[in-house]
Amino acid sequence: MATTTIYVSGREVTYERFINDLAAKLADVMKSRSEMPEYICQRQAFRLFGRANVERWRREGKLTPHRRLRKVEYRITELYTLSARQQDYY
């Protein structure tokens, strides 16, 4: 069987090792996210993602606030999705 080689940041890595490392990293991320609550309070969202970012996403209509028991909460998956997008400020 032929070995496929991938060059990552100037390093030579076999395809099999690349896939195994990627799978391990994805498993860690999925595990950490599954332990998170579905919603977080506004204060925690400000701390994790920055107050300016959260307020801008809300103002632009990209983030939906949810009111519960006199608290404003946000869906954590929406916040992670928005934080992963590359912003174009020009």
N, C-alpha and C. Protein backbone atom coordinates (compact mmCIF):
# COMPACT_ATOMS: atom_id res chain seq x y z
N MET A 1 0.85 -1.19 0.00
CA MET A 1 0.00 0.00 0.00
C MET A 1 0.89 1.24 0.00
N ALA A 2 0.57 2.18 -0.86
CA ALA A 2 1.35 3.41 -0.97
C ALA A 2 1.01 4.35 0.18
N THR A 3 2.02 5.04 0.66
CA THR A 3 1.83 5.98 1.76
C THR A 3 1.71 7.39 1.18
N THR A 4 0.65 8.05 1.53
CA THR A 4 0.45 9.43 1.10
C THR A 4 1.07 10.35 2.13
N THR A 5 1.79 11.36 1.67
CA THR A 5 2.47 12.29 2.56
C THR A 5 1.84 13.67 2.41
N ILE A 6 1.64 14.33 3.53
CA ILE A 6 1.09 15.68 3.55
C ILE A 6 2.12 16.59 4.20
N TYR A 7 2.27 17.80 3.66
CA TYR A 7 3.17 18.78 4.25
C TYR A 7 2.35 19.81 5.00
N VAL A 8 2.56 19.89 6.32
CA VAL A 8 1.85 20.82 7.17
C VAL A 8 2.88 21.69 7.87
N SER A 9 2.83 22.98 7.61
CA SER A 9 3.76 23.95 8.21
C SER A 9 5.21 23.50 8.05
N GLY A 10 5.55 23.03 6.87
CA GLY A 10 6.93 22.65 6.59
C GLY A 10 7.32 21.30 7.13
N ARG A 11 6.38 20.56 7.73
CA ARG A 11 6.66 19.24 8.27
C ARG A 11 6.00 18.18 7.40
N GLU A 12 6.67 17.07 7.26
CA GLU A 12 6.12 15.96 6.49
C GLU A 12 5.39 15.02 7.44
N VAL A 13 4.11 14.76 7.15
CA VAL A 13 3.28 13.92 8.00
C VAL A 13 2.55 12.92 7.10
N THR A 14 2.46 11.68 7.56
CA THR A 14 1.71 10.70 6.77
C THR A 14 0.22 11.01 6.87
N TYR A 15 -0.50 10.62 5.86
CA TYR A 15 -1.93 10.87 5.82
C TYR A 15 -2.62 10.19 7.00
N GLU A 16 -2.24 8.96 7.29
CA GLU A 16 -2.86 8.21 8.40
C GLU A 16 -2.65 8.92 9.73
N ARG A 17 -1.45 9.41 9.96
CA ARG A 17 -1.18 10.12 11.22
C ARG A 17 -1.98 11.42 11.29
N PHE A 18 -2.05 12.12 10.16
CA PHE A 18 -2.82 13.36 10.11
C PHE A 18 -4.28 13.11 10.47
N ILE A 19 -4.89 12.08 9.88
CA ILE A 19 -6.29 11.75 10.14
C ILE A 19 -6.48 11.34 11.60
N ASN A 20 -5.57 10.53 12.14
CA ASN A 20 -5.68 10.10 13.54
C ASN A 20 -5.57 11.28 14.50
N ASP A 21 -4.63 12.18 14.25
CA ASP A 21 -4.48 13.37 15.10
C ASP A 21 -5.71 14.27 15.00
N LEU A 22 -6.23 14.43 13.79
CA LEU A 22 -7.42 15.25 13.58
C LEU A 22 -8.62 14.64 14.31
N ALA A 23 -8.79 13.33 14.21
CA ALA A 23 -9.90 12.65 14.88
C ALA A 23 -9.79 12.80 16.40
N ALA A 24 -8.58 12.70 16.93
CA ALA A 24 -8.38 12.86 18.37
C ALA A 24 -8.74 14.27 18.82
N LYS A 25 -8.32 15.25 18.04
CA LYS A 25 -8.62 16.64 18.38
C LYS A 25 -10.12 16.91 18.32
N LEU A 26 -10.78 16.41 17.28
CA LEU A 26 -12.23 16.59 17.16
C LEU A 26 -12.97 15.91 18.30
N ALA A 27 -12.51 14.74 18.71
CA ALA A 27 -13.14 14.04 19.83
C ALA A 27 -13.03 14.86 21.11
N ASP A 28 -11.87 15.48 21.34
CA ASP A 28 -11.70 16.34 22.52
C ASP A 28 -12.64 17.53 22.49
N VAL A 29 -12.75 18.17 21.33
CA VAL A 29 -13.62 19.34 21.20
C VAL A 29 -15.08 18.95 21.40
N MET A 30 -15.51 17.85 20.81
CA MET A 30 -16.89 17.41 20.95
C MET A 30 -17.21 17.05 22.39
N LYS A 31 -16.28 16.42 23.07
CA LYS A 31 -16.49 16.05 24.47
C LYS A 31 -16.64 17.30 25.34
N SER A 32 -15.75 18.28 25.12
CA SER A 32 -15.81 19.49 25.94
C SER A 32 -17.10 20.28 25.67
N ARG A 33 -17.55 20.29 24.43
CA ARG A 33 -18.78 21.01 24.11
C ARG A 33 -20.02 20.28 24.59
N SER A 34 -19.98 18.96 24.66
CA SER A 34 -21.16 18.21 25.13
C SER A 34 -21.38 18.41 26.62
N GLU A 35 -20.33 18.77 27.35
CA GLU A 35 -20.44 19.00 28.78
C GLU A 35 -20.93 20.41 29.10
N MET A 36 -21.01 21.27 28.09
CA MET A 36 -21.45 22.64 28.29
C MET A 36 -22.97 22.71 28.32
N PRO A 37 -23.50 23.68 29.02
CA PRO A 37 -24.96 23.87 29.01
C PRO A 37 -25.41 24.39 27.65
N GLU A 38 -26.70 24.27 27.37
CA GLU A 38 -27.22 24.74 26.09
C GLU A 38 -27.24 26.27 26.03
N TYR A 39 -27.53 26.90 27.16
CA TYR A 39 -27.58 28.36 27.24
C TYR A 39 -26.61 28.85 28.30
N ILE A 40 -26.06 30.06 28.08
CA ILE A 40 -25.24 30.70 29.11
C ILE A 40 -25.79 32.10 29.33
N CYS A 41 -25.58 32.63 30.54
CA CYS A 41 -26.09 33.96 30.87
C CYS A 41 -25.27 35.03 30.15
N GLN A 42 -25.82 36.22 30.08
CA GLN A 42 -25.19 37.31 29.36
C GLN A 42 -23.81 37.65 29.94
N ARG A 43 -23.69 37.64 31.25
CA ARG A 43 -22.42 37.96 31.88
C ARG A 43 -21.33 36.99 31.45
N GLN A 44 -21.66 35.71 31.42
CA GLN A 44 -20.69 34.70 31.02
C GLN A 44 -20.36 34.83 29.52
N ALA A 45 -21.35 35.18 28.71
CA ALA A 45 -21.11 35.39 27.28
C ALA A 45 -20.16 36.57 27.06
N PHE A 46 -20.36 37.64 27.82
CA PHE A 46 -19.45 38.79 27.73
C PHE A 46 -18.04 38.39 28.10
N ARG A 47 -17.90 37.59 29.15
CA ARG A 47 -16.57 37.18 29.62
C ARG A 47 -15.87 36.28 28.60
N LEU A 48 -16.61 35.34 28.01
CA LEU A 48 -16.00 34.38 27.09
C LEU A 48 -15.73 34.94 25.70
N PHE A 49 -16.65 35.79 25.19
CA PHE A 49 -16.56 36.22 23.80
C PHE A 49 -16.33 37.71 23.63
N GLY A 50 -16.30 38.45 24.72
CA GLY A 50 -16.09 39.89 24.66
C GLY A 50 -17.41 40.64 24.56
N ARG A 51 -17.57 41.62 25.41
CA ARG A 51 -18.82 42.37 25.46
C ARG A 51 -19.13 43.05 24.12
N ALA A 52 -18.12 43.66 23.52
CA ALA A 52 -18.34 44.36 22.24
C ALA A 52 -18.81 43.40 21.15
N ASN A 53 -18.22 42.20 21.10
CA ASN A 53 -18.63 41.22 20.10
C ASN A 53 -20.08 40.80 20.30
N VAL A 54 -20.44 40.45 21.53
CA VAL A 54 -21.80 39.99 21.81
C VAL A 54 -22.81 41.09 21.49
N GLU A 55 -22.53 42.30 21.91
CA GLU A 55 -23.45 43.40 21.63
C GLU A 55 -23.55 43.68 20.14
N ARG A 56 -22.43 43.60 19.40
CA ARG A 56 -22.46 43.83 17.96
C ARG A 56 -23.28 42.74 17.26
N TRP A 57 -23.07 41.47 17.62
CA TRP A 57 -23.83 40.38 17.00
C TRP A 57 -25.32 40.53 17.28
N ARG A 58 -25.65 40.97 18.48
CA ARG A 58 -27.06 41.16 18.84
C ARG A 58 -27.66 42.33 18.06
N ARG A 59 -26.92 43.43 17.95
CA ARG A 59 -27.38 44.62 17.22
C ARG A 59 -27.58 44.31 15.73
N GLU A 60 -26.69 43.47 15.17
CA GLU A 60 -26.78 43.11 13.75
C GLU A 60 -27.82 42.02 13.50
N GLY A 61 -28.44 41.51 14.55
CA GLY A 61 -29.46 40.49 14.39
C GLY A 61 -28.93 39.08 14.18
N LYS A 62 -27.65 38.88 14.41
CA LYS A 62 -27.03 37.56 14.23
C LYS A 62 -27.18 36.68 15.46
N LEU A 63 -27.49 37.28 16.60
CA LEU A 63 -27.59 36.57 17.87
C LEU A 63 -28.95 36.84 18.49
N THR A 64 -29.61 35.78 18.90
CA THR A 64 -30.94 35.91 19.48
C THR A 64 -30.88 35.77 21.00
N PRO A 65 -31.26 36.82 21.74
CA PRO A 65 -31.29 36.71 23.20
C PRO A 65 -32.55 35.98 23.66
N HIS A 66 -32.45 35.26 24.75
CA HIS A 66 -33.58 34.56 25.34
C HIS A 66 -33.75 35.05 26.78
N ARG A 67 -34.94 35.48 27.12
CA ARG A 67 -35.20 35.97 28.49
C ARG A 67 -35.78 34.85 29.33
N ARG A 68 -35.14 34.60 30.48
CA ARG A 68 -35.61 33.59 31.41
C ARG A 68 -35.40 34.09 32.83
N LEU A 69 -36.44 34.12 33.57
CA LEU A 69 -36.37 34.52 34.98
C LEU A 69 -35.53 35.78 35.20
N ARG A 70 -35.90 36.82 34.50
CA ARG A 70 -35.22 38.11 34.60
C ARG A 70 -33.75 38.07 34.20
N LYS A 71 -33.34 37.06 33.44
CA LYS A 71 -31.96 36.96 32.95
C LYS A 71 -31.98 36.89 31.43
N VAL A 72 -30.96 37.43 30.84
CA VAL A 72 -30.78 37.32 29.39
C VAL A 72 -29.77 36.21 29.16
N GLU A 73 -30.14 35.24 28.33
CA GLU A 73 -29.26 34.12 28.03
C GLU A 73 -29.10 33.97 26.53
N TYR A 74 -27.99 33.35 26.14
CA TYR A 74 -27.69 33.12 24.73
C TYR A 74 -27.38 31.64 24.53
N ARG A 75 -27.73 31.13 23.35
CA ARG A 75 -27.42 29.75 23.01
C ARG A 75 -25.92 29.66 22.73
N ILE A 76 -25.25 28.76 23.41
CA ILE A 76 -23.79 28.65 23.32
C ILE A 76 -23.34 28.28 21.91
N THR A 77 -24.12 27.47 21.19
CA THR A 77 -23.72 27.09 19.83
C THR A 77 -23.73 28.29 18.89
N GLU A 78 -24.68 29.20 19.07
CA GLU A 78 -24.71 30.42 18.25
C GLU A 78 -23.46 31.26 18.51
N LEU A 79 -23.08 31.38 19.77
CA LEU A 79 -21.91 32.18 20.12
C LEU A 79 -20.63 31.59 19.51
N TYR A 80 -20.46 30.29 19.61
CA TYR A 80 -19.27 29.66 19.03
C TYR A 80 -19.25 29.79 17.51
N THR A 81 -20.41 29.67 16.88
CA THR A 81 -20.48 29.81 15.43
C THR A 81 -20.09 31.23 15.01
N LEU A 82 -20.62 32.22 15.69
CA LEU A 82 -20.30 33.60 15.36
C LEU A 82 -18.84 33.94 15.65
N SER A 83 -18.29 33.39 16.72
CA SER A 83 -16.90 33.70 17.05
C SER A 83 -15.92 33.05 16.07
N ALA A 84 -16.35 31.97 15.41
CA ALA A 84 -15.47 31.29 14.45
C ALA A 84 -15.45 31.98 13.09
N ARG A 85 -16.43 32.83 12.80
CA ARG A 85 -16.48 33.53 11.53
C ARG A 85 -15.42 34.62 11.48
N GLN A 86 -14.83 34.77 10.30
CA GLN A 86 -13.86 35.84 10.13
C GLN A 86 -14.64 37.13 9.89
N GLN A 87 -14.31 38.17 10.63
CA GLN A 87 -15.03 39.43 10.55
C GLN A 87 -14.42 40.33 9.50
N ASP A 88 -15.26 41.01 8.75
CA ASP A 88 -14.82 41.98 7.76
C ASP A 88 -15.33 43.34 8.21
N TYR A 89 -14.43 44.17 8.74
CA TYR A 89 -14.84 45.43 9.31
C TYR A 89 -14.78 46.60 8.32
N TYR A 90 -14.38 46.32 7.09
CA TYR A 90 -14.23 47.42 6.13
C TYR A 90 -15.44 47.58 5.28
